[in-house]
Structure formats: C-alpha cells, structure tokens
Amino acid sequence: MIQTSRIISKYLLQFCLTIFGIGLITATSFTLFLPKGERLVEFWNQLQIFFWSFFYFDNLEVYLKEFQYAPFSSVFLEPYIYSFTILLSAFLLSIFVALFIAYIVNLGPKSFRKIMNSILFFLQSIPDVVMICVFQIFFLWIFNKTGVKIVDPVNGFESKAYALPIFLVSIIPTIQLFQMLFLAIQEEKIRDYVEYAKAKGLSNSWIIIRHILRNVAITLLSNSKLIFWMMISNLLIVEKFFNMKGYFSFLFNNSSSPEIFFMALVLLFIPFFLLEILFKQIVNRMKGGQAI
C-alpha cells in the first residue's frame, strides 16, 4: 500500500511538473519579443492566467471570425477526437504491420533479411516532409492522368478522411518499430530458452509466436513514447500539407491566444501521459513486478 502511494505521488508530481513546464514555455514564447520592461510582468500575468484557466475552463472562448466567439469546450472536441482517432489508429496499424514484417523476415533466409533491412533503413533516412511531398506530387500526377482527385491541395479533404492520413502517419513509425522488433528478435533468438525449444523440435514460427514475441512486447511498450511523439510530428506535417481540420490546425489557428494555446497543449499531453503510465504498468507486470 505504501509502495502504491509512492508511485501515485510520483506520477502526480511528474504530471504537475510537466504542466508547469508547458506553462513556462508557452508564457516565454508569448512574451519573448515584448519590450524588456514589460517581459517579466507579462510573463507572470500569463502564468496566473494559465493557472486560473483550469478553474474557469467553461469561460474560455475561441475567436472564430468577424468578432464571433465560441466556448472552447464546444469547439476543441471535434478536431481533438479526429486527430486522436488518426493517431491511435496509426499506432495500432504500425504495430500490426511491423510485427507481421518482422515475423516474415525472421522466417526467411539471411540474404532476404539483409535486403529487407537495407530497404527499410533507406526509407527511414527519408525526411517526413520529403515523403509527404512525394505523396502530394503522386496524387497530383494521378489527377492529371485519370481526373481522380484524391485530395485537393488547396482545400484539403472535402470531408473528414481517415485512411490516407492514418497511412501517411504510420509509415515512418512502422519502419522504426520494425527495426526495434527485428533487433529484439535477433537478440532473443540466441537465448538459451530458444536453443532448448529448437532441441525439442519446435518450429521457428512457433518459437517466434509463442515465446519470442512475448518478450519482444516489452521492448515495444518501453519505446511507445518515442513512437507516439514521432507520430505527433508526422500528423502535424500531414495536417499542414493537406489542410486537414484536425487538432494541430486548431492549435495553429489559435496561436495568438496564450490561454487557448496553453490549454490545447495540456489536453494534447494528457492522453499520452495516461498511455505511458498504462504501458509502464503492463511492462512491470510482464517482467514479474507488481502493477498499481
């Protein structure tokens, strides 16, 4: 019970410090170019506004157009759900595809593994922006040849699209996950329990599915934070390039309002913080420890 209380206190402290850090960064960015005599006063005022925003959340208003305002609570939810649906779907797709490729590659001959690893390493070296630009050019080429408009480069998607953004956001994370899983599987294959399983006559596919992947899952969950932040950066680029009406577009549109921008960043952070706690507890349980 005492151990559980300490863990909860640790997470609460981490949560509060992160929120405070977001507030410091946001306040600094909005006061950095003010005259020197006004910076400190305005910085302190912004921190107070951020603090009281939690207590007066329902009173926060977002500027729409022509002096029209709307409650923040009623405006942010739609793009918030849209973007996080894409992120979580891309995360699950990346896991499934990376596991499948890692499984197939590890069953193949050594030469095949080298070729696949080289191809994926080359794809990983391509910057996200360049890859998305290539897809845009590809879509324009399809439109010129067939008249089929997959996406309007000016107006974006006519309605909320899911398949294409999920695919684009998941490409680089899938490659990263594959490399993590590939290396983890290679390390696991030289363990004593694998040699023992082979001596019993078990097939490679059975050993990978039944024994190795369970241990590799620890590596996967332990690196989930890196994958999530990579997906966030990818989604930010995708929303910008394809004029999507997602959460990051909402952030850009409200970049002139400090309290709205701060609260939007906090709401962006919270689900990832909760998922990180969940994954840590799962990893701890898989390693034989006791979860909260």
C-alpha atoms as a PDB file:
ATOM      1  CA  MET A   1       0.000   0.000   0.000  1.00  0.00           C
ATOM      2  CA  ILE A   2       2.843   2.395   0.848  1.00  0.00           C
ATOM      3  CA  GLN A   3       4.599   1.475  -2.420  1.00  0.00           C
ATOM      4  CA  THR A   4       1.418   2.172  -4.396  1.00  0.00           C
ATOM      5  CA  SER A   5       1.026   5.586  -2.731  1.00  0.00           C
ATOM      6  CA  ARG A   6       4.606   6.457  -3.608  1.00  0.00           C
ATOM      7  CA  ILE A   7       4.100   5.501  -7.252  1.00  0.00           C
ATOM      8  CA  ILE A   8       0.879   7.541  -7.476  1.00  0.00           C
ATOM      9  CA  SER A   9       2.604  10.520  -5.838  1.00  0.00           C
ATOM     10  CA  LYS A  10       5.471  10.184  -8.299  1.00  0.00           C
ATOM     11  CA  TYR A  11       3.111  10.258 -11.279  1.00  0.00           C
ATOM     12  CA  LEU A  12       1.158  13.213  -9.872  1.00  0.00           C
ATOM     13  CA  LEU A  13       4.374  15.153  -9.334  1.00  0.00           C
ATOM     14  CA  GLN A  14       5.535  14.321 -12.851  1.00  0.00           C
ATOM     15  CA  PHE A  15       2.166  15.411 -14.238  1.00  0.00           C
ATOM     16  CA  CYS A  16       2.190  18.745 -12.365  1.00  0.00           C
ATOM     17  CA  LEU A  17       5.814  19.490 -13.320  1.00  0.00           C
ATOM     18  CA  THR A  18       5.060  18.790 -16.981  1.00  0.00           C
ATOM     19  CA  ILE A  19       2.009  21.078 -16.927  1.00  0.00           C
ATOM     20  CA  PHE A  20       4.123  23.749 -15.248  1.00  0.00           C
ATOM     21  CA  GLY A  21       6.809  23.279 -17.918  1.00  0.00           C
ATOM     22  CA  ILE A  22       4.224  23.694 -20.683  1.00  0.00           C
ATOM     23  CA  GLY A  23       3.075  26.896 -18.990  1.00  0.00           C
ATOM     24  CA  LEU A  24       6.638  28.244 -18.744  1.00  0.00           C
ATOM     25  CA  ILE A  25       7.398  27.515 -22.398  1.00  0.00           C
ATOM     26  CA  THR A  26       4.098  28.989 -23.605  1.00  0.00           C
ATOM     27  CA  ALA A  27       4.423  32.132 -21.470  1.00  0.00           C
ATOM     28  CA  THR A  28       8.025  32.613 -22.600  1.00  0.00           C
ATOM     29  CA  SER A  29       7.111  32.268 -26.287  1.00  0.00           C
ATOM     30  CA  PHE A  30       4.345  34.885 -25.970  1.00  0.00           C
ATOM     31  CA  THR A  31       6.450  37.420 -24.036  1.00  0.00           C
ATOM     32  CA  LEU A  32       9.843  36.922 -25.677  1.00  0.00           C
ATOM     33  CA  PHE A  33       9.520  39.816 -28.142  1.00  0.00           C
ATOM     34  CA  LEU A  34       7.950  42.337 -25.780  1.00  0.00           C
ATOM     35  CA  PRO A  35       9.988  45.345 -24.569  1.00  0.00           C
ATOM     36  CA  LYS A  36      12.378  44.401 -21.760  1.00  0.00           C
ATOM     37  CA  GLY A  37      10.491  46.388 -19.163  1.00  0.00           C
ATOM     38  CA  GLU A  38       7.251  44.535 -19.876  1.00  0.00           C
ATOM     39  CA  ARG A  39       8.502  40.940 -20.230  1.00  0.00           C
ATOM     40  CA  LEU A  40       8.662  39.902 -16.595  1.00  0.00           C
ATOM     41  CA  VAL A  41       5.310  41.467 -15.652  1.00  0.00           C
ATOM     42  CA  GLU A  42       3.534  39.977 -18.660  1.00  0.00           C
ATOM     43  CA  PHE A  43       5.243  36.612 -18.084  1.00  0.00           C
ATOM     44  CA  TRP A  44       3.887  36.497 -14.520  1.00  0.00           C
ATOM     45  CA  ASN A  45       0.449  37.592 -15.708  1.00  0.00           C
ATOM     46  CA  GLN A  46       0.370  34.820 -18.288  1.00  0.00           C
ATOM     47  CA  LEU A  47       1.285  32.183 -15.690  1.00  0.00           C
ATOM     48  CA  GLN A  48      -1.569  33.367 -13.471  1.00  0.00           C
ATOM     49  CA  ILE A  49      -3.993  33.272 -16.400  1.00  0.00           C
ATOM     50  CA  PHE A  50      -2.876  29.722 -17.234  1.00  0.00           C
ATOM     51  CA  PHE A  51      -3.389  28.631 -13.619  1.00  0.00           C
ATOM     52  CA  TRP A  52      -6.895  30.075 -13.352  1.00  0.00           C
ATOM     53  CA  SER A  53      -7.829  28.673 -16.763  1.00  0.00           C
ATOM     54  CA  PHE A  54      -8.249  25.262 -15.108  1.00  0.00           C
ATOM     55  CA  PHE A  55     -10.857  26.687 -12.732  1.00  0.00           C
ATOM     56  CA  TYR A  56     -12.685  28.762 -15.369  1.00  0.00           C
ATOM     57  CA  PHE A  57     -12.402  26.274 -18.219  1.00  0.00           C
ATOM     58  CA  ASP A  58     -16.014  26.836 -19.310  1.00  0.00           C
ATOM     59  CA  ASN A  59     -15.366  30.573 -19.682  1.00  0.00           C
ATOM     60  CA  LEU A  60     -12.558  30.187 -22.217  1.00  0.00           C
ATOM     61  CA  GLU A  61     -13.600  31.440 -25.650  1.00  0.00           C
ATOM     62  CA  VAL A  62     -12.141  30.828 -29.084  1.00  0.00           C
ATOM     63  CA  TYR A  63     -12.176  33.530 -31.775  1.00  0.00           C
ATOM     64  CA  LEU A  64     -13.887  32.287 -34.945  1.00  0.00           C
ATOM     65  CA  LYS A  65     -14.264  35.152 -37.407  1.00  0.00           C
ATOM     66  CA  GLU A  66     -15.616  38.695 -37.668  1.00  0.00           C
ATOM     67  CA  PHE A  67     -15.661  39.194 -33.898  1.00  0.00           C
ATOM     68  CA  GLN A  68     -17.524  35.940 -33.322  1.00  0.00           C
ATOM     69  CA  TYR A  69     -16.501  33.783 -30.367  1.00  0.00           C
ATOM     70  CA  ALA A  70     -17.395  30.261 -29.257  1.00  0.00           C
ATOM     71  CA  PRO A  71     -16.787  28.370 -25.979  1.00  0.00           C
ATOM     72  CA  PHE A  72     -13.521  26.479 -26.046  1.00  0.00           C
ATOM     73  CA  SER A  73     -15.186  23.356 -24.628  1.00  0.00           C
ATOM     74  CA  SER A  74     -17.566  23.171 -27.596  1.00  0.00           C
ATOM     75  CA  VAL A  75     -15.001  23.901 -30.319  1.00  0.00           C
ATOM     76  CA  PHE A  76     -11.962  21.794 -29.451  1.00  0.00           C
ATOM     77  CA  LEU A  77     -13.669  18.402 -29.039  1.00  0.00           C
ATOM     78  CA  GLU A  78     -14.358  17.627 -32.725  1.00  0.00           C
ATOM     79  CA  PRO A  79     -10.792  18.196 -34.051  1.00  0.00           C
ATOM     80  CA  TYR A  80      -9.422  16.625 -30.854  1.00  0.00           C
ATOM     81  CA  ILE A  81     -11.289  13.344 -31.405  1.00  0.00           C
ATOM     82  CA  TYR A  82     -10.491  13.399 -35.136  1.00  0.00           C
ATOM     83  CA  SER A  83      -6.726  13.770 -34.652  1.00  0.00           C
ATOM     84  CA  PHE A  84      -6.500  11.250 -31.827  1.00  0.00           C
ATOM     85  CA  THR A  85      -8.514   8.726 -33.820  1.00  0.00           C
ATOM     86  CA  ILE A  86      -5.886   9.039 -36.551  1.00  0.00           C
ATOM     87  CA  LEU A  87      -3.002   8.809 -34.061  1.00  0.00           C
ATOM     88  CA  LEU A  88      -4.269   5.737 -32.221  1.00  0.00           C
ATOM     89  CA  SER A  89      -5.290   4.012 -35.459  1.00  0.00           C
ATOM     90  CA  ALA A  90      -1.861   4.726 -36.963  1.00  0.00           C
ATOM     91  CA  PHE A  91      -0.204   3.389 -33.804  1.00  0.00           C
ATOM     92  CA  LEU A  92      -2.164   0.123 -33.954  1.00  0.00           C
ATOM     93  CA  LEU A  93      -1.551  -0.189 -37.701  1.00  0.00           C
ATOM     94  CA  SER A  94       2.188   0.376 -37.185  1.00  0.00           C
ATOM     95  CA  ILE A  95       2.348  -2.319 -34.514  1.00  0.00           C
ATOM     96  CA  PHE A  96       0.441  -4.852 -36.612  1.00  0.00           C
ATOM     97  CA  VAL A  97       2.416  -4.214 -39.843  1.00  0.00           C
ATOM     98  CA  ALA A  98       5.791  -4.068 -38.054  1.00  0.00           C
ATOM     99  CA  LEU A  99       5.076  -7.338 -36.216  1.00  0.00           C
ATOM    100  CA  PHE A 100       3.948  -9.006 -39.437  1.00  0.00           C
ATOM    101  CA  ILE A 101       7.012  -7.852 -41.420  1.00  0.00           C
ATOM    102  CA  ALA A 102       9.372  -8.783 -38.567  1.00  0.00           C
ATOM    103  CA  TYR A 103       7.766 -12.218 -38.359  1.00  0.00           C
ATOM    104  CA  ILE A 104       8.025 -12.848 -42.128  1.00  0.00           C
ATOM    105  CA  VAL A 105      11.570 -11.508 -42.389  1.00  0.00           C
ATOM    106  CA  ASN A 106      12.843 -13.601 -39.483  1.00  0.00           C
ATOM    107  CA  LEU A 107      11.427 -16.757 -41.061  1.00  0.00           C
ATOM    108  CA  GLY A 108      13.231 -16.020 -44.341  1.00  0.00           C
ATOM    109  CA  PRO A 109      16.856 -16.725 -45.283  1.00  0.00           C
ATOM    110  CA  LYS A 110      19.682 -14.488 -44.092  1.00  0.00           C
ATOM    111  CA  SER A 111      20.074 -12.822 -47.516  1.00  0.00           C
ATOM    112  CA  PHE A 112      16.386 -11.850 -47.521  1.00  0.00           C
ATOM    113  CA  ARG A 113      16.709 -10.341 -44.035  1.00  0.00           C
ATOM    114  CA  LYS A 114      19.653  -8.209 -45.165  1.00  0.00           C
ATOM    115  CA  ILE A 115      17.804  -6.937 -48.247  1.00  0.00           C
ATOM    116  CA  MET A 116      14.643  -6.039 -46.295  1.00  0.00           C
ATOM    117  CA  ASN A 117      16.627  -4.348 -43.550  1.00  0.00           C
ATOM    118  CA  SER A 118      18.549  -2.276 -46.132  1.00  0.00           C
ATOM    119  CA  ILE A 119      15.353  -1.193 -47.917  1.00  0.00           C
ATOM    120  CA  LEU A 120      13.636  -0.142 -44.703  1.00  0.00           C
ATOM    121  CA  PHE A 121      16.772   1.623 -43.459  1.00  0.00           C
ATOM    122  CA  PHE A 122      16.814   3.641 -46.710  1.00  0.00           C
ATOM    123  CA  LEU A 123      13.137   4.564 -46.317  1.00  0.00           C
ATOM    124  CA  GLN A 124      13.763   5.628 -42.717  1.00  0.00           C
ATOM    125  CA  SER A 125      16.504   8.031 -43.867  1.00  0.00           C
ATOM    126  CA  ILE A 126      13.989   9.980 -45.985  1.00  0.00           C
ATOM    127  CA  PRO A 127      12.669  13.025 -44.035  1.00  0.00           C
ATOM    128  CA  ASP A 128       8.940  13.046 -43.225  1.00  0.00           C
ATOM    129  CA  VAL A 129       8.363  16.289 -45.125  1.00  0.00           C
ATOM    130  CA  VAL A 130      10.012  14.929 -48.271  1.00  0.00           C
ATOM    131  CA  MET A 131       7.957  11.722 -48.123  1.00  0.00           C
ATOM    132  CA  ILE A 132       4.675  13.616 -47.737  1.00  0.00           C
ATOM    133  CA  CYS A 133       5.654  15.984 -50.574  1.00  0.00           C
ATOM    134  CA  VAL A 134       6.296  12.943 -52.778  1.00  0.00           C
ATOM    135  CA  PHE A 135       2.811  11.648 -51.979  1.00  0.00           C
ATOM    136  CA  GLN A 136       1.318  15.043 -52.837  1.00  0.00           C
ATOM    137  CA  ILE A 137       3.100  15.033 -56.193  1.00  0.00           C
ATOM    138  CA  PHE A 138       1.928  11.447 -56.717  1.00  0.00           C
ATOM    139  CA  PHE A 139      -1.701  12.446 -56.049  1.00  0.00           C
ATOM    140  CA  LEU A 140      -1.404  15.360 -58.481  1.00  0.00           C
ATOM    141  CA  TRP A 141       0.051  13.002 -61.094  1.00  0.00           C
ATOM    142  CA  ILE A 142      -2.904  10.634 -60.629  1.00  0.00           C
ATOM    143  CA  PHE A 143      -5.300  13.592 -61.024  1.00  0.00           C
ATOM    144  CA  ASN A 144      -3.600  14.719 -64.251  1.00  0.00           C
ATOM    145  CA  LYS A 145      -3.676  11.204 -65.699  1.00  0.00           C
ATOM    146  CA  THR A 146      -7.084   9.990 -64.543  1.00  0.00           C
ATOM    147  CA  GLY A 147      -9.033  13.027 -63.320  1.00  0.00           C
ATOM    148  CA  VAL A 148      -9.465  11.364 -59.922  1.00  0.00           C
ATOM    149  CA  LYS A 149      -8.911  13.932 -57.170  1.00  0.00           C
ATOM    150  CA  ILE A 150      -7.770  12.027 -54.066  1.00  0.00           C
ATOM    151  CA  VAL A 151      -7.137  15.256 -52.190  1.00  0.00           C
ATOM    152  CA  ASP A 152      -7.439  18.939 -53.086  1.00  0.00           C
ATOM    153  CA  PRO A 153      -4.017  20.573 -52.427  1.00  0.00           C
ATOM    154  CA  VAL A 154      -5.770  23.889 -51.694  1.00  0.00           C
ATOM    155  CA  ASN A 155      -8.956  22.935 -49.848  1.00  0.00           C
ATOM    156  CA  GLY A 156      -7.727  19.664 -48.376  1.00  0.00           C
ATOM    157  CA  PHE A 157     -10.224  16.874 -47.842  1.00  0.00           C
ATOM    158  CA  GLU A 158     -13.832  17.717 -48.647  1.00  0.00           C
ATOM    159  CA  SER A 159     -14.925  15.586 -45.704  1.00  0.00           C
ATOM    160  CA  LYS A 160     -13.069  14.004 -42.834  1.00  0.00           C
ATOM    161  CA  ALA A 161     -10.654  11.474 -44.266  1.00  0.00           C
ATOM    162  CA  TYR A 162      -9.128   8.711 -42.173  1.00  0.00           C
ATOM    163  CA  ALA A 163      -7.496   6.069 -44.382  1.00  0.00           C
ATOM    164  CA  LEU A 164      -4.942   8.299 -46.133  1.00  0.00           C
ATOM    165  CA  PRO A 165      -3.836  10.293 -43.019  1.00  0.00           C
ATOM    166  CA  ILE A 166      -3.533   7.074 -40.985  1.00  0.00           C
ATOM    167  CA  PHE A 167      -1.418   5.526 -43.733  1.00  0.00           C
ATOM    168  CA  LEU A 168       0.879   8.572 -44.025  1.00  0.00           C
ATOM    169  CA  VAL A 169       1.293   8.980 -40.260  1.00  0.00           C
ATOM    170  CA  SER A 170       2.121   5.288 -39.785  1.00  0.00           C
ATOM    171  CA  ILE A 171       4.857   4.905 -42.447  1.00  0.00           C
ATOM    172  CA  ILE A 172       7.925   6.106 -40.524  1.00  0.00           C
ATOM    173  CA  PRO A 173       6.809   4.654 -37.138  1.00  0.00           C
ATOM    174  CA  THR A 174       6.238   1.280 -38.831  1.00  0.00           C
ATOM    175  CA  ILE A 175       9.802   1.288 -40.131  1.00  0.00           C
ATOM    176  CA  GLN A 176      11.148   2.317 -36.721  1.00  0.00           C
ATOM    177  CA  LEU A 177       9.099  -0.341 -34.963  1.00  0.00           C
ATOM    178  CA  PHE A 178      10.222  -2.995 -37.430  1.00  0.00           C
ATOM    179  CA  GLN A 179      13.881  -2.199 -36.770  1.00  0.00           C
ATOM    180  CA  MET A 180      13.317  -2.312 -32.989  1.00  0.00           C
ATOM    181  CA  LEU A 181      11.452  -5.601 -33.254  1.00  0.00           C
ATOM    182  CA  PHE A 182      13.926  -7.087 -35.727  1.00  0.00           C
ATOM    183  CA  LEU A 183      16.890  -6.357 -33.437  1.00  0.00           C
ATOM    184  CA  ALA A 184      14.972  -7.529 -30.364  1.00  0.00           C
ATOM    185  CA  ILE A 185      14.038 -10.800 -32.065  1.00  0.00           C
ATOM    186  CA  GLN A 186      17.639 -11.349 -33.129  1.00  0.00           C
ATOM    187  CA  GLU A 187      18.760 -10.858 -29.530  1.00  0.00           C
ATOM    188  CA  GLU A 188      16.086 -13.218 -28.245  1.00  0.00           C
ATOM    189  CA  LYS A 189      16.979 -15.933 -30.773  1.00  0.00           C
ATOM    190  CA  ILE A 190      20.368 -16.502 -29.145  1.00  0.00           C
ATOM    191  CA  ARG A 191      18.878 -17.035 -25.677  1.00  0.00           C
ATOM    192  CA  ASP A 192      19.128 -20.412 -24.012  1.00  0.00           C
ATOM    193  CA  TYR A 193      15.372 -20.991 -23.969  1.00  0.00           C
ATOM    194  CA  VAL A 194      15.262 -20.675 -27.773  1.00  0.00           C
ATOM    195  CA  GLU A 195      18.015 -23.250 -28.190  1.00  0.00           C
ATOM    196  CA  TYR A 196      16.156 -25.523 -25.799  1.00  0.00           C
ATOM    197  CA  ALA A 197      12.924 -25.100 -27.790  1.00  0.00           C
ATOM    198  CA  LYS A 198      14.740 -25.933 -31.028  1.00  0.00           C
ATOM    199  CA  ALA A 199      16.242 -29.028 -29.407  1.00  0.00           C
ATOM    200  CA  LYS A 200      12.693 -30.169 -28.576  1.00  0.00           C
ATOM    201  CA  GLY A 201      11.855 -29.974 -32.281  1.00  0.00           C
ATOM    202  CA  LEU A 202       9.639 -26.872 -32.177  1.00  0.00           C
ATOM    203  CA  SER A 203       9.405 -24.898 -35.440  1.00  0.00           C
ATOM    204  CA  ASN A 204      10.831 -21.399 -35.860  1.00  0.00           C
ATOM    205  CA  SER A 205       7.369 -19.903 -36.391  1.00  0.00           C
ATOM    206  CA  TRP A 206       6.080 -21.482 -33.175  1.00  0.00           C
ATOM    207  CA  ILE A 207       9.100 -20.274 -31.191  1.00  0.00           C
ATOM    208  CA  ILE A 208       8.698 -16.708 -32.521  1.00  0.00           C
ATOM    209  CA  ILE A 209       4.947 -16.538 -31.858  1.00  0.00           C
ATOM    210  CA  ARG A 210       4.805 -18.403 -28.554  1.00  0.00           C
ATOM    211  CA  HIS A 211       7.991 -17.295 -26.840  1.00  0.00           C
ATOM    212  CA  ILE A 212       9.976 -14.558 -28.561  1.00  0.00           C
ATOM    213  CA  LEU A 213       7.161 -12.089 -29.342  1.00  0.00           C
ATOM    214  CA  ARG A 214       6.034 -12.091 -25.715  1.00  0.00           C
ATOM    215  CA  ASN A 215       9.471 -10.876 -24.623  1.00  0.00           C
ATOM    216  CA  VAL A 216       9.741  -8.503 -27.590  1.00  0.00           C
ATOM    217  CA  ALA A 217       6.463  -6.873 -26.471  1.00  0.00           C
ATOM    218  CA  ILE A 218       8.385  -5.423 -23.526  1.00  0.00           C
ATOM    219  CA  THR A 219      10.729  -3.646 -25.951  1.00  0.00           C
ATOM    220  CA  LEU A 220       7.744  -2.399 -27.940  1.00  0.00           C
ATOM    221  CA  LEU A 221       5.862  -0.962 -24.962  1.00  0.00           C
ATOM    222  CA  SER A 222       9.023   0.521 -23.437  1.00  0.00           C
ATOM    223  CA  ASN A 223       9.619   2.558 -26.608  1.00  0.00           C
ATOM    224  CA  SER A 224       5.989   3.601 -27.086  1.00  0.00           C
ATOM    225  CA  LYS A 225       6.702   7.193 -26.003  1.00  0.00           C
ATOM    226  CA  LEU A 226       9.223   7.649 -28.830  1.00  0.00           C
ATOM    227  CA  ILE A 227       6.770   6.222 -31.363  1.00  0.00           C
ATOM    228  CA  PHE A 228       3.915   8.436 -30.163  1.00  0.00           C
ATOM    229  CA  TRP A 229       5.950  11.645 -30.366  1.00  0.00           C
ATOM    230  CA  MET A 230       7.145  10.649 -33.829  1.00  0.00           C
ATOM    231  CA  MET A 231       3.523  10.194 -34.875  1.00  0.00           C
ATOM    232  CA  ILE A 232       2.590  13.581 -33.452  1.00  0.00           C
ATOM    233  CA  SER A 233       5.249  15.283 -35.580  1.00  0.00           C
ATOM    234  CA  ASN A 234       4.072  13.318 -38.627  1.00  0.00           C
ATOM    235  CA  LEU A 235       0.424  14.238 -38.052  1.00  0.00           C
ATOM    236  CA  LEU A 236       1.367  17.901 -37.634  1.00  0.00           C
ATOM    237  CA  ILE A 237       3.040  17.835 -41.064  1.00  0.00           C
ATOM    238  CA  VAL A 238       0.178  15.878 -42.667  1.00  0.00           C
ATOM    239  CA  GLU A 239      -2.464  18.283 -41.331  1.00  0.00           C
ATOM    240  CA  LYS A 240      -0.474  21.262 -42.571  1.00  0.00           C
ATOM    241  CA  PHE A 241       0.229  19.846 -46.037  1.00  0.00           C
ATOM    242  CA  PHE A 242      -3.288  18.539 -46.662  1.00  0.00           C
ATOM    243  CA  ASN A 243      -5.189  21.389 -44.967  1.00  0.00           C
ATOM    244  CA  MET A 244      -6.908  18.989 -42.595  1.00  0.00           C
ATOM    245  CA  LYS A 245      -9.214  20.385 -39.928  1.00  0.00           C
ATOM    246  CA  GLY A 246      -7.574  18.492 -37.095  1.00  0.00           C
ATOM    247  CA  TYR A 247      -6.292  19.397 -33.666  1.00  0.00           C
ATOM    248  CA  PHE A 248      -2.979  20.808 -34.866  1.00  0.00           C
ATOM    249  CA  SER A 249      -4.785  23.084 -37.287  1.00  0.00           C
ATOM    250  CA  PHE A 250      -6.830  24.192 -34.292  1.00  0.00           C
ATOM    251  CA  LEU A 251      -3.564  24.930 -32.445  1.00  0.00           C
ATOM    252  CA  PHE A 252      -2.184  26.970 -35.358  1.00  0.00           C
ATOM    253  CA  ASN A 253      -5.414  28.945 -35.692  1.00  0.00           C
ATOM    254  CA  ASN A 254      -5.301  29.891 -32.003  1.00  0.00           C
ATOM    255  CA  SER A 255      -1.598  30.568 -31.715  1.00  0.00           C
ATOM    256  CA  SER A 256      -2.320  34.235 -30.957  1.00  0.00           C
ATOM    257  CA  SER A 257      -4.333  33.400 -27.819  1.00  0.00           C
ATOM    258  CA  PRO A 258      -1.978  32.314 -24.992  1.00  0.00           C
ATOM    259  CA  GLU A 259      -4.554  30.711 -22.683  1.00  0.00           C
ATOM    260  CA  ILE A 260      -6.247  28.780 -25.513  1.00  0.00           C
ATOM    261  CA  PHE A 261      -2.902  27.623 -26.875  1.00  0.00           C
ATOM    262  CA  PHE A 262      -1.757  26.546 -23.398  1.00  0.00           C
ATOM    263  CA  MET A 263      -4.940  24.627 -22.638  1.00  0.00           C
ATOM    264  CA  ALA A 264      -4.823  22.935 -26.048  1.00  0.00           C
ATOM    265  CA  LEU A 265      -1.254  21.759 -25.363  1.00  0.00           C
ATOM    266  CA  VAL A 266      -2.264  20.435 -21.947  1.00  0.00           C
ATOM    267  CA  LEU A 267      -5.147  18.464 -23.455  1.00  0.00           C
ATOM    268  CA  LEU A 268      -2.725  17.116 -26.064  1.00  0.00           C
ATOM    269  CA  PHE A 269      -0.356  15.916 -23.349  1.00  0.00           C
ATOM    270  CA  ILE A 270      -2.851  14.219 -21.006  1.00  0.00           C
ATOM    271  CA  PRO A 271      -3.807  11.125 -23.094  1.00  0.00           C
ATOM    272  CA  PHE A 272      -0.169  10.330 -23.874  1.00  0.00           C
ATOM    273  CA  PHE A 273       0.712  10.656 -20.207  1.00  0.00           C
ATOM    274  CA  LEU A 274      -2.051   8.203 -19.278  1.00  0.00           C
ATOM    275  CA  LEU A 275      -0.998   5.765 -22.000  1.00  0.00           C
ATOM    276  CA  GLU A 276       2.610   5.940 -20.811  1.00  0.00           C
ATOM    277  CA  ILE A 277       1.513   5.029 -17.272  1.00  0.00           C
ATOM    278  CA  LEU A 278      -0.577   2.148 -18.632  1.00  0.00           C
ATOM    279  CA  PHE A 279       2.292   0.776 -20.718  1.00  0.00           C
ATOM    280  CA  LYS A 280       4.724   1.072 -17.804  1.00  0.00           C
ATOM    281  CA  GLN A 281       2.361  -0.941 -15.623  1.00  0.00           C
ATOM    282  CA  ILE A 282       1.986  -3.597 -18.325  1.00  0.00           C
ATOM    283  CA  VAL A 283       5.766  -3.850 -18.760  1.00  0.00           C
ATOM    284  CA  ASN A 284       6.229  -4.062 -14.995  1.00  0.00           C
ATOM    285  CA  ARG A 285       3.682  -6.885 -14.792  1.00  0.00           C
ATOM    286  CA  MET A 286       5.296  -8.740 -17.728  1.00  0.00           C
ATOM    287  CA  LYS A 287       8.679  -8.526 -16.019  1.00  0.00           C
ATOM    288  CA  GLY A 288       7.232 -10.139 -12.922  1.00  0.00           C
ATOM    289  CA  GLY A 289       6.728  -6.959 -10.918  1.00  0.00           C
ATOM    290  CA  GLN A 290       3.529  -5.756  -9.319  1.00  0.00           C
ATOM    291  CA  ALA A 291       1.439  -3.119 -11.064  1.00  0.00           C
ATOM    292  CA  ILE A 292      -0.505  -0.459  -9.197  1.00  0.00           C
END
